[in-house]
């Protein structure tokens, strides 16, 4: 993996804490920052996965409730088209 030199602007407290952490862990400041970033990115990915899982679980609950109520006998696609066409016709009448 290629490393790229970059600069960061830190406030005094951030700088102090990073330097203390580096000294305590026996690592360079750069290594500490890279580790912190890696941990943050991993946390973000876990959080995104948890959110997706929560959404899928909510969808499963909706499907279960829908299944308990039985099947819909109509034609949802055609009904939606007819409703849209009627709304468009109303708009057309208003502007004509």
Protein backbone atom coordinates (compact mmCIF):
# COMPACT_ATOMS: atom_id res chain seq x y z
CA UNK A 1 0.00 0.00 0.00
CA UNK A 2 1.32 3.41 -0.96
CA UNK A 3 1.42 6.13 1.67
CA UNK A 4 0.82 9.77 0.81
CA UNK A 5 2.22 12.70 2.72
CA UNK A 6 -0.41 15.16 3.91
CA UNK A 7 -0.74 17.95 6.42
CA UNK A 8 -3.32 18.33 9.15
CA UNK A 9 -4.21 21.43 11.09
CA UNK A 10 -4.87 20.50 14.72
CA UNK A 11 -5.78 22.62 17.67
CA UNK A 12 -3.53 22.56 20.73
CA UNK A 13 -5.62 19.99 22.58
CA UNK A 14 -5.79 17.58 19.64
CA UNK A 15 -2.05 17.88 19.10
CA UNK A 16 -1.31 17.27 22.78
CA UNK A 17 -3.57 14.24 22.99
CA UNK A 18 -2.21 12.68 19.80
CA UNK A 19 1.37 13.16 20.94
CA UNK A 20 0.59 11.64 24.36
CA UNK A 21 -1.10 8.69 22.69
CA UNK A 22 1.84 8.17 20.35
CA UNK A 23 4.32 8.30 23.24
CA UNK A 24 2.21 5.95 25.37
CA UNK A 25 1.87 3.41 22.53
CA UNK A 26 5.44 3.83 21.29
CA UNK A 27 4.23 4.78 17.81
CA UNK A 28 4.76 7.70 15.49
CA UNK A 29 2.17 10.45 15.32
CA UNK A 30 1.42 9.42 11.73
CA UNK A 31 0.81 5.81 12.74
CA UNK A 32 -1.56 6.88 15.52
CA UNK A 33 -3.53 9.09 13.12
CA UNK A 34 -3.72 6.29 10.53
CA UNK A 35 -4.95 3.86 13.20
CA UNK A 36 -7.58 6.32 14.39
CA UNK A 37 -8.77 6.82 10.82
CA UNK A 38 -8.89 3.06 10.20
CA UNK A 39 -10.97 2.56 13.35
CA UNK A 40 -13.31 5.39 12.38
CA UNK A 41 -13.81 4.03 8.86
CA UNK A 42 -14.49 0.54 10.24
CA UNK A 43 -17.00 2.02 12.71
CA UNK A 44 -18.75 3.88 9.87
CA UNK A 45 -19.00 0.67 7.84
CA UNK A 46 -20.41 -1.26 10.82
CA UNK A 47 -22.94 1.49 11.43
CA UNK A 48 -24.02 1.48 7.77
CA UNK A 49 -24.39 -2.33 7.85
CA UNK A 50 -26.44 -2.12 11.06
CA UNK A 51 -28.69 0.50 9.48
CA UNK A 52 -29.23 -1.71 6.43
CA UNK A 53 -29.99 -4.68 8.67
CA UNK A 54 -32.50 -2.60 10.67
CA UNK A 55 -34.22 -1.54 7.45
CA UNK A 56 -34.41 -5.14 6.24
CA UNK A 57 -35.86 -6.23 9.57
CA UNK A 58 -38.47 -3.47 9.35
CA UNK A 59 -39.33 -4.64 5.84
CA UNK A 60 -39.73 -8.20 7.13
CA UNK A 61 -42.12 -6.96 9.83
CA UNK A 62 -44.17 -5.11 7.19
CA UNK A 63 -44.26 -8.23 5.03
CA UNK A 64 -45.40 -10.33 7.98
CA UNK A 65 -48.21 -7.89 8.81
CA UNK A 66 -49.24 -7.75 5.16
CA UNK A 67 -49.27 -11.55 4.92
CA UNK A 68 -51.51 -11.74 7.99
CA UNK A 69 -54.05 -9.48 6.29
CA UNK A 70 -54.25 -11.64 3.18
CA UNK A 71 -53.59 -11.06 -0.47
CA UNK A 72 -54.81 -8.02 -2.37
CA UNK A 73 -57.11 -9.11 -5.17
CA UNK A 74 -56.82 -5.94 -7.28
CA UNK A 75 -54.25 -4.88 -9.84
CA UNK A 76 -52.11 -2.27 -8.12
CA UNK A 77 -50.15 -1.24 -11.22
CA UNK A 78 -53.21 -0.60 -13.37
CA UNK A 79 -55.04 1.09 -10.49
CA UNK A 80 -52.08 3.43 -9.97
CA UNK A 81 -52.00 4.20 -13.70
CA UNK A 82 -55.72 4.94 -13.77
CA UNK A 83 -55.39 7.20 -10.74
CA UNK A 84 -52.45 9.06 -12.33
CA UNK A 85 -54.32 9.43 -15.63
CA UNK A 86 -57.38 10.81 -13.83
CA UNK A 87 -55.19 13.33 -11.97
CA UNK A 88 -53.51 14.38 -15.23
CA UNK A 89 -56.89 14.80 -16.86
CA UNK A 90 -58.04 17.02 -13.98
CA UNK A 91 -54.96 19.19 -14.37
CA UNK A 92 -55.51 19.37 -18.12
CA UNK A 93 -59.12 20.49 -17.60
CA UNK A 94 -58.03 23.19 -15.12
CA UNK A 95 -55.54 24.65 -17.61
CA UNK A 96 -57.72 24.33 -20.72
